[in-house]
Amino acid sequence: MDKWTTGLQLLSILNHYGYKSYIVGGAVRDYYLGNPILDVDITTNALPEELSQIFPQIEIVESYLSTRIELNHFCFEVTTFRKDIAYLDHRHPVVQAVQTIEEDLKRRDFTINALALDSSLNLIDLYNGLKDLNDKTIRCIGNPKLRFEEDAYRVLRAVELASRYNFDLDEQIKKSFSKDYVANLKEEYIISILSKILQAPYQKGLCYIRDFKLLRGYPFYQVVVEECLAYSCMDAYALFYCLHNFIPSNVKLSKEQMKRAKDISYFVRNEFSNEALYYGNKELLEPSIEIYNKIKKRINKSEVWNKYHTLPIQRIKDICFDFNTLDKSNIGVAVATIEKKLLNNELKNNTEDIALELRRIL
C-alpha cells in the first residue's frame, strides 16, 4: 500500500469517528498533474487532543494545531482546520482553529495549493485551482501584496513551483514584485529553497529571480542566480568560487557547501595540473571539468582522467622511500617536497635518487 492510498484510509478512519477530513495541498496538485505523490498532508476539524484519542502515539505541535500520525509505516502531517490571525516576522503565523474546510482554504497561498479531496475523491476547489493547473498558472488567493507581506517565503515558493512545473506567474504576482519582500526572510530560508530551485527541471524560476531582482536584498544570491543563467551552470556556489576565487565570509553556507566550492575551484584554478590531480578531491573531478568547460576553454574529460591515471604517483604509498627513517620533525617537509618534484617530473621515483635529494634539502 502506497502513501496516497494510506492517506485515503486515514481519512476514512477520521470519518468513522465523525470528523471531516481531506487530503489537501501539494498531494492533490500532483494527483491532478499525474505526478508521483511523495507527501500527503491532511486537514480535519478534529482538534489535536481529539486525534490523540484515536491515535495515542502521535506527535503534537500545539502552536500550529498540527500533529504527526503514523499509519502503515507512513508518517502524515494532520492539521486542524485553522485560520491565520496574525503573522510574526513576515513568516510564522499565529493560528486559530475553525470549523470548516472553506475557511481553512482561505489561508493558503496559491490556488493550485488550495485543492482538497475527501475520502471518495470528491474535489473542493473554491478558487479555480484546477483551471490554473490546466493553464499552468500560479495565482495567489487574494491580493499578492498582502499574501507576500504576511509571509515573504511565498515569493520564493511561487518561484520554486514555476521551476518545478514550468508554470507562469500571473500578472498580479509579477506586479507585486516592485516591493522587496524577500529581504524580510532569514538567509537560511533562502539557501534552502534556492537549492530546490537550482535542482528543478526548468529554469523559469531563476529567470524570474533575475528579471525581477527578487533577491536584491541579498546581493550575493542575486549574483549567484544571474551567473548560473549566464553560464548555464546550476552548480551555483562552486561556479561563483571559480569565477571570483572567494565566497563572502558573512554568507551562511554550510561547511560542506563551502568545501565543495573550494575543492572544485582548486581543480579549475590550477587547470588540472599534476599537483591538482594528486592533491585534489577526485570525487569532484567530473563536476570540476563541467564548470571548467563552461567558463574556460574546452577540455576533454577522458584526457583529464587519463592524465590522472598516468600520474607519476597517485598517493604517498607510491613513493619509493620509507619516510619513517627520517627524523619526525622533517617528515612533513620531506614528503611535500618529494611529492612535488615527482609530480613535476623533476625527480626519478627510486630510493637512491630520493635519498640523495633529501640529503640535499634537509
Protein backbone atom coordinates (compact mmCIF):
# COMPACT_ATOMS: atom_id res chain seq x y z
CA MET A 1 0.00 0.00 0.00
CA ASP A 2 1.43 3.38 -1.01
CA LYS A 3 1.24 6.64 0.91
CA TRP A 4 -1.62 8.05 -1.17
CA THR A 5 -3.80 5.01 -0.57
CA THR A 6 -2.87 5.00 3.11
CA GLY A 7 -3.81 8.68 3.28
CA LEU A 8 -7.28 7.91 1.94
CA GLN A 9 -7.51 5.17 4.55
CA LEU A 10 -6.64 7.70 7.24
CA LEU A 11 -9.46 9.95 6.01
CA SER A 12 -11.88 7.03 6.29
CA ILE A 13 -10.78 6.36 9.87
CA LEU A 14 -11.38 10.01 10.81
CA ASN A 15 -14.74 9.94 9.05
CA HIS A 16 -15.66 6.82 11.01
CA TYR A 17 -15.14 8.76 14.23
CA GLY A 18 -17.39 11.55 12.98
CA TYR A 19 -14.79 14.03 11.81
CA LYS A 20 -14.49 15.75 8.43
CA SER A 21 -11.12 15.32 6.78
CA TYR A 22 -9.41 15.98 3.46
CA ILE A 23 -6.14 15.49 1.63
CA VAL A 24 -5.02 18.98 0.74
CA GLY A 25 -2.26 20.94 -0.96
CA GLY A 26 0.63 19.51 -2.94
CA ALA A 27 -0.59 15.91 -2.98
CA VAL A 28 -3.86 16.93 -4.64
CA ARG A 29 -1.99 19.16 -7.05
CA ASP A 30 0.29 16.27 -8.10
CA TYR A 31 -2.66 13.86 -8.25
CA TYR A 32 -4.29 16.00 -10.94
CA LEU A 33 -1.00 16.59 -12.74
CA GLY A 34 -0.35 12.84 -12.82
CA ASN A 35 2.95 13.23 -10.96
CA PRO A 36 4.36 10.87 -8.33
CA ILE A 37 2.94 11.73 -4.91
CA LEU A 38 5.70 11.81 -2.32
CA ASP A 39 3.97 13.53 0.58
CA VAL A 40 0.36 13.63 1.74
CA ASP A 41 -0.94 16.38 4.03
CA ILE A 42 -4.31 16.04 5.73
CA THR A 43 -6.60 18.62 7.29
CA THR A 44 -9.53 17.90 9.60
CA ASN A 45 -11.95 19.53 12.01
CA ALA A 46 -10.62 17.26 14.79
CA LEU A 47 -8.51 19.02 17.39
CA PRO A 48 -5.09 17.60 18.30
CA GLU A 49 -6.36 16.33 21.66
CA GLU A 50 -9.24 14.56 19.87
CA LEU A 51 -6.83 12.98 17.42
CA SER A 52 -4.73 11.72 20.32
CA GLN A 53 -7.74 9.71 21.50
CA ILE A 54 -7.82 7.88 18.16
CA PHE A 55 -4.07 7.65 17.61
CA PRO A 56 -2.35 7.52 21.03
CA GLN A 57 1.20 7.57 19.59
CA ILE A 58 1.08 10.95 17.87
CA GLU A 59 3.37 13.94 17.97
CA ILE A 60 1.61 17.26 18.60
CA VAL A 61 2.84 20.73 17.62
CA GLU A 62 0.28 22.74 19.57
CA SER A 63 1.24 26.20 18.32
CA TYR A 64 0.31 25.19 14.77
CA LEU A 65 -2.61 22.85 15.59
CA SER A 66 -0.57 20.17 13.87
CA THR A 67 0.03 16.50 14.59
CA ARG A 68 2.13 13.76 13.06
CA ILE A 69 0.36 10.44 12.76
CA GLU A 70 1.88 7.14 11.64
CA LEU A 71 -0.22 4.61 9.73
CA ASN A 72 1.04 1.58 7.77
CA HIS A 73 4.61 2.81 8.40
CA PHE A 74 3.87 6.13 6.68
CA CYS A 75 4.01 9.44 8.56
CA PHE A 76 1.34 12.08 7.92
CA GLU A 77 1.08 15.69 9.00
CA VAL A 78 -2.50 16.24 10.08
CA THR A 79 -3.60 19.79 10.87
CA THR A 80 -6.83 21.06 12.35
CA PHE A 81 -8.85 23.44 10.15
CA ARG A 82 -7.38 26.82 11.02
CA LYS A 83 -7.08 30.44 10.08
CA ASP A 84 -4.18 32.83 10.46
CA ILE A 85 -4.95 35.70 12.81
CA ALA A 86 -1.51 37.36 12.65
CA TYR A 87 1.97 36.88 11.23
CA LEU A 88 5.25 37.12 13.11
CA ASP A 89 8.47 38.22 11.36
CA HIS A 90 6.84 38.07 7.90
CA ARG A 91 6.96 34.28 8.11
CA HIS A 92 5.28 32.48 11.03
CA PRO A 93 1.51 32.61 11.50
CA VAL A 94 -0.43 32.75 14.75
CA VAL A 95 -3.29 30.33 14.10
CA GLN A 96 -6.75 29.69 15.43
CA ALA A 97 -8.93 26.61 14.95
CA VAL A 98 -12.00 26.93 12.70
CA GLN A 99 -14.82 24.57 11.85
CA THR A 100 -14.94 24.44 8.06
CA ILE A 101 -12.63 23.43 5.23
CA GLU A 102 -13.77 26.52 3.33
CA GLU A 103 -12.32 28.84 5.96
CA ASP A 104 -9.13 26.78 6.13
CA LEU A 105 -8.56 27.04 2.39
CA LYS A 106 -8.76 30.84 2.53
CA ARG A 107 -5.41 30.97 4.33
CA ARG A 108 -3.50 29.02 1.71
CA ASP A 109 -1.02 30.70 -0.59
CA PHE A 110 -1.85 29.75 -4.20
CA THR A 111 -4.95 28.47 -5.91
CA ILE A 112 -3.17 25.30 -7.04
CA ASN A 113 -2.36 24.58 -3.38
CA ALA A 114 -5.95 25.11 -2.21
CA LEU A 115 -7.40 21.94 -3.72
CA ALA A 116 -8.88 19.41 -1.31
CA LEU A 117 -10.11 15.82 -1.78
CA ASP A 118 -12.26 13.77 0.57
CA SER A 119 -12.04 10.01 1.04
CA SER A 120 -14.29 9.46 -2.00
CA LEU A 121 -12.09 11.71 -4.16
CA ASN A 122 -14.69 14.47 -4.31
CA LEU A 123 -12.91 17.73 -5.10
CA ILE A 124 -13.29 21.03 -3.28
CA ASP A 125 -11.96 23.82 -5.50
CA LEU A 126 -13.08 27.25 -4.24
CA TYR A 127 -10.55 29.32 -6.20
CA ASN A 128 -10.42 27.67 -9.66
CA GLY A 129 -7.17 25.96 -8.83
CA LEU A 130 -7.85 23.13 -11.26
CA LYS A 131 -8.23 25.65 -14.09
CA ASP A 132 -4.95 27.27 -13.08
CA LEU A 133 -3.30 23.83 -13.12
CA ASN A 134 -4.54 23.28 -16.65
CA ASP A 135 -3.47 26.79 -17.64
CA LYS A 136 -0.07 26.27 -16.00
CA THR A 137 -0.52 29.45 -13.97
CA ILE A 138 0.47 30.28 -10.41
CA ARG A 139 -2.01 32.70 -8.84
CA CYS A 140 -2.37 33.92 -5.28
CA ILE A 141 -5.52 33.55 -3.23
CA GLY A 142 -6.36 37.18 -2.65
CA ASN A 143 -4.08 40.16 -3.14
CA PRO A 144 -0.46 39.05 -3.76
CA LYS A 145 0.92 42.12 -1.99
CA LEU A 146 -0.92 41.20 1.20
CA ARG A 147 -0.08 37.49 0.94
CA PHE A 148 3.64 38.19 0.41
CA GLU A 149 3.67 40.80 3.15
CA GLU A 150 2.23 38.18 5.52
CA ASP A 151 4.73 35.51 4.56
CA ALA A 152 7.68 36.55 2.41
CA TYR A 153 8.61 32.90 1.83
CA ARG A 154 5.62 32.67 -0.52
CA VAL A 155 7.57 34.70 -3.10
CA LEU A 156 10.25 32.03 -3.36
CA ARG A 157 7.70 29.24 -3.10
CA ALA A 158 5.97 30.67 -6.18
CA VAL A 159 9.29 30.77 -7.99
CA GLU A 160 10.11 27.21 -6.94
CA LEU A 161 6.75 25.96 -8.25
CA ALA A 162 7.40 27.73 -11.55
CA SER A 163 10.75 25.93 -11.80
CA ARG A 164 9.33 22.56 -10.81
CA TYR A 165 6.36 22.56 -13.22
CA ASN A 166 7.35 25.11 -15.87
CA PHE A 167 4.37 27.26 -14.82
CA ASP A 168 3.98 31.01 -15.30
CA LEU A 169 3.34 33.55 -12.56
CA ASP A 170 0.19 35.56 -13.16
CA GLU A 171 0.40 39.28 -13.85
CA GLN A 172 -0.79 40.35 -10.40
CA ILE A 173 2.06 38.43 -8.79
CA LYS A 174 4.58 40.00 -11.18
CA LYS A 175 3.27 43.49 -10.46
CA SER A 176 3.66 42.91 -6.73
CA PHE A 177 7.41 42.33 -7.15
CA SER A 178 8.04 46.08 -7.17
CA LYS A 179 8.49 45.62 -3.41
CA ASP A 180 11.32 43.58 -1.93
CA TYR A 181 9.53 41.08 0.34
CA VAL A 182 12.41 38.59 0.46
CA ALA A 183 14.63 41.00 2.40
CA ASN A 184 12.42 40.16 5.40
CA LEU A 185 13.47 36.49 5.31
CA LYS A 186 16.32 34.88 7.19
CA GLU A 187 19.17 33.76 4.97
CA GLU A 188 18.67 30.11 5.92
CA TYR A 189 15.29 30.09 4.18
CA ILE A 190 16.82 31.49 1.01
CA ILE A 191 19.62 28.91 0.94
CA SER A 192 17.15 26.07 1.46
CA ILE A 193 14.65 26.94 -1.25
CA LEU A 194 17.28 28.22 -3.69
CA SER A 195 18.78 24.73 -3.57
CA LYS A 196 15.42 23.32 -4.73
CA ILE A 197 15.10 25.95 -7.46
CA LEU A 198 18.59 25.19 -8.78
CA GLN A 199 17.85 21.46 -8.87
CA ALA A 200 14.44 21.87 -10.54
CA PRO A 201 13.98 20.68 -14.13
CA TYR A 202 13.16 24.14 -15.50
CA GLN A 203 14.95 27.49 -15.28
CA LYS A 204 11.82 29.63 -15.27
CA GLY A 205 12.08 30.42 -11.56
CA LEU A 206 15.70 31.50 -11.92
CA CYS A 207 14.67 33.80 -14.76
CA TYR A 208 12.02 35.38 -12.53
CA ILE A 209 14.65 35.98 -9.83
CA ARG A 210 16.96 37.56 -12.41
CA ASP A 211 14.36 39.64 -14.22
CA PHE A 212 12.57 40.98 -11.12
CA LYS A 213 15.66 41.15 -8.89
CA LEU A 214 13.80 39.12 -6.28
CA LEU A 215 16.95 38.58 -4.19
CA ARG A 216 18.11 42.19 -4.36
CA GLY A 217 18.06 42.31 -0.57
CA TYR A 218 20.66 39.53 -0.61
CA PRO A 219 23.07 40.63 -3.38
CA PHE A 220 25.32 37.56 -3.18
CA TYR A 221 22.46 35.20 -4.01
CA GLN A 222 21.14 37.53 -6.71
CA VAL A 223 24.54 37.46 -8.41
CA VAL A 224 24.77 33.69 -7.95
CA VAL A 225 21.47 33.22 -9.83
CA GLU A 226 22.43 35.60 -12.61
CA GLU A 227 25.77 33.85 -13.12
CA CYS A 228 24.12 30.43 -13.16
CA LEU A 229 21.92 31.58 -16.04
CA ALA A 230 24.76 33.36 -17.83
CA TYR A 231 26.96 30.25 -17.82
CA SER A 232 24.16 27.64 -17.98
CA CYS A 233 25.58 26.07 -14.84
CA MET A 234 23.47 25.17 -11.81
CA ASP A 235 26.44 24.29 -9.57
CA ALA A 236 25.92 27.73 -8.08
CA TYR A 237 28.43 28.20 -5.28
CA ALA A 238 31.23 26.30 -6.97
CA LEU A 239 30.69 28.42 -10.08
CA PHE A 240 30.88 31.62 -8.03
CA TYR A 241 34.10 30.48 -6.33
CA CYS A 242 35.66 29.55 -9.66
CA LEU A 243 34.80 32.96 -11.12
CA HIS A 244 35.82 35.10 -8.13
CA ASN A 245 38.15 32.89 -6.06
CA PHE A 246 36.24 33.60 -2.84
CA ILE A 247 32.84 33.47 -1.19
CA PRO A 248 31.94 36.34 1.18
CA SER A 249 32.72 35.45 4.77
CA ASN A 250 29.31 36.62 6.00
CA VAL A 251 27.42 34.17 3.79
CA LYS A 252 25.81 31.37 5.80
CA LEU A 253 26.55 28.41 3.56
CA SER A 254 27.20 25.10 5.27
CA LYS A 255 30.75 23.81 5.76
CA GLU A 256 30.00 21.12 3.18
CA GLN A 257 28.86 23.68 0.59
CA MET A 258 31.91 25.84 1.20
CA LYS A 259 34.32 22.90 0.99
CA ARG A 260 32.75 21.66 -2.22
CA ALA A 261 33.06 25.09 -3.82
CA LYS A 262 36.72 25.39 -2.77
CA ASP A 263 37.61 21.86 -3.90
CA ILE A 264 36.11 22.38 -7.35
CA SER A 265 37.75 25.78 -7.68
CA TYR A 266 41.12 24.21 -6.82
CA PHE A 267 40.92 21.94 -9.88
CA VAL A 268 39.64 24.69 -12.17
CA ARG A 269 42.08 27.39 -10.99
CA ASN A 270 45.05 25.04 -11.46
CA GLU A 271 43.70 23.70 -14.74
CA PHE A 272 44.01 20.06 -13.72
CA SER A 273 47.77 20.17 -13.28
CA ASN A 274 49.56 17.10 -11.96
CA GLU A 275 49.65 18.61 -8.48
CA ALA A 276 45.95 19.48 -8.58
CA LEU A 277 45.04 15.96 -9.69
CA TYR A 278 47.21 14.47 -6.94
CA TYR A 279 46.09 16.67 -4.05
CA GLY A 280 42.53 17.43 -5.17
CA ASN A 281 39.28 15.69 -4.24
CA LYS A 282 38.87 13.13 -7.01
CA GLU A 283 35.16 12.70 -6.21
CA LEU A 284 34.64 16.22 -7.55
CA LEU A 285 36.75 15.86 -10.66
CA GLU A 286 33.84 15.49 -13.09
CA PRO A 287 31.80 18.49 -11.87
CA SER A 288 35.06 20.45 -11.93
CA ILE A 289 35.56 19.54 -15.59
CA GLU A 290 31.97 20.58 -16.34
CA ILE A 291 32.47 24.03 -14.78
CA TYR A 292 35.85 24.45 -16.46
CA ASN A 293 34.19 23.79 -19.81
CA LYS A 294 31.54 26.41 -19.02
CA ILE A 295 33.87 29.26 -18.08
CA LYS A 296 37.17 28.49 -19.84
CA LYS A 297 38.36 26.64 -22.93
CA ARG A 298 37.09 23.17 -23.66
CA ILE A 299 38.86 20.24 -22.06
CA ASN A 300 38.22 16.58 -22.78
CA LYS A 301 37.00 14.59 -19.78
CA SER A 302 38.71 11.39 -20.85
CA GLU A 303 42.02 13.22 -21.30
CA VAL A 304 41.82 14.55 -17.74
CA TRP A 305 41.09 11.09 -16.34
CA ASN A 306 43.89 9.59 -18.42
CA LYS A 307 46.22 12.24 -17.07
CA TYR A 308 45.21 11.33 -13.53
CA HIS A 309 45.70 7.59 -14.09
CA THR A 310 49.15 8.17 -15.57
CA LEU A 311 50.46 10.47 -12.83
CA PRO A 312 54.00 9.58 -11.66
CA ILE A 313 52.43 8.92 -8.26
CA GLN A 314 48.78 8.85 -7.13
CA ARG A 315 49.30 8.53 -3.37
CA ILE A 316 52.11 8.74 -0.86
CA LYS A 317 52.48 4.94 -0.80
CA ASP A 318 53.61 5.08 -4.43
CA ILE A 319 56.81 6.90 -3.42
CA CYS A 320 59.76 4.53 -3.33
CA PHE A 321 61.07 5.70 0.01
CA ASP A 322 60.39 4.96 3.69
CA PHE A 323 59.88 8.37 5.27
CA ASN A 324 59.75 6.76 8.72
CA THR A 325 63.52 6.51 8.54
CA LEU A 326 63.69 10.30 8.86
CA ASP A 327 63.53 12.43 11.98
CA LYS A 328 59.82 13.06 12.68
CA SER A 329 60.32 16.82 12.59
CA ASN A 330 61.47 16.56 8.97
CA ILE A 331 58.85 14.20 7.57
CA GLY A 332 56.25 16.84 6.63
CA VAL A 333 58.66 18.98 4.63
CA ALA A 334 60.29 15.92 3.09
CA VAL A 335 57.04 14.38 1.87
CA ALA A 336 55.73 17.64 0.40
CA THR A 337 58.98 18.36 -1.40
CA ILE A 338 59.40 14.89 -2.87
CA GLU A 339 55.75 14.69 -3.95
CA LYS A 340 56.00 17.93 -5.91
CA LYS A 341 59.30 17.01 -7.57
CA LEU A 342 57.97 13.61 -8.61
CA LEU A 343 54.71 15.09 -9.91
CA ASN A 344 56.61 17.67 -11.94
CA ASN A 345 58.99 15.00 -13.31
CA GLU A 346 61.94 16.72 -11.62
CA LEU A 347 62.99 13.57 -9.77
CA LYS A 348 63.05 9.86 -10.51
CA ASN A 349 60.95 7.65 -8.25
CA ASN A 350 63.66 5.41 -6.79
CA THR A 351 65.10 5.16 -3.30
CA GLU A 352 68.61 6.26 -4.24
CA ASP A 353 67.64 9.47 -6.04
CA ILE A 354 65.08 10.39 -3.39
CA ALA A 355 67.57 9.82 -0.57
CA LEU A 356 70.09 11.99 -2.40
CA GLU A 357 67.56 14.79 -2.81
CA LEU A 358 66.56 14.62 0.85
CA ARG A 359 70.20 14.89 1.96
CA ARG A 360 70.43 18.00 -0.17
CA ILE A 361 67.36 19.77 1.23
CA LEU A 362 67.35 18.66 4.89
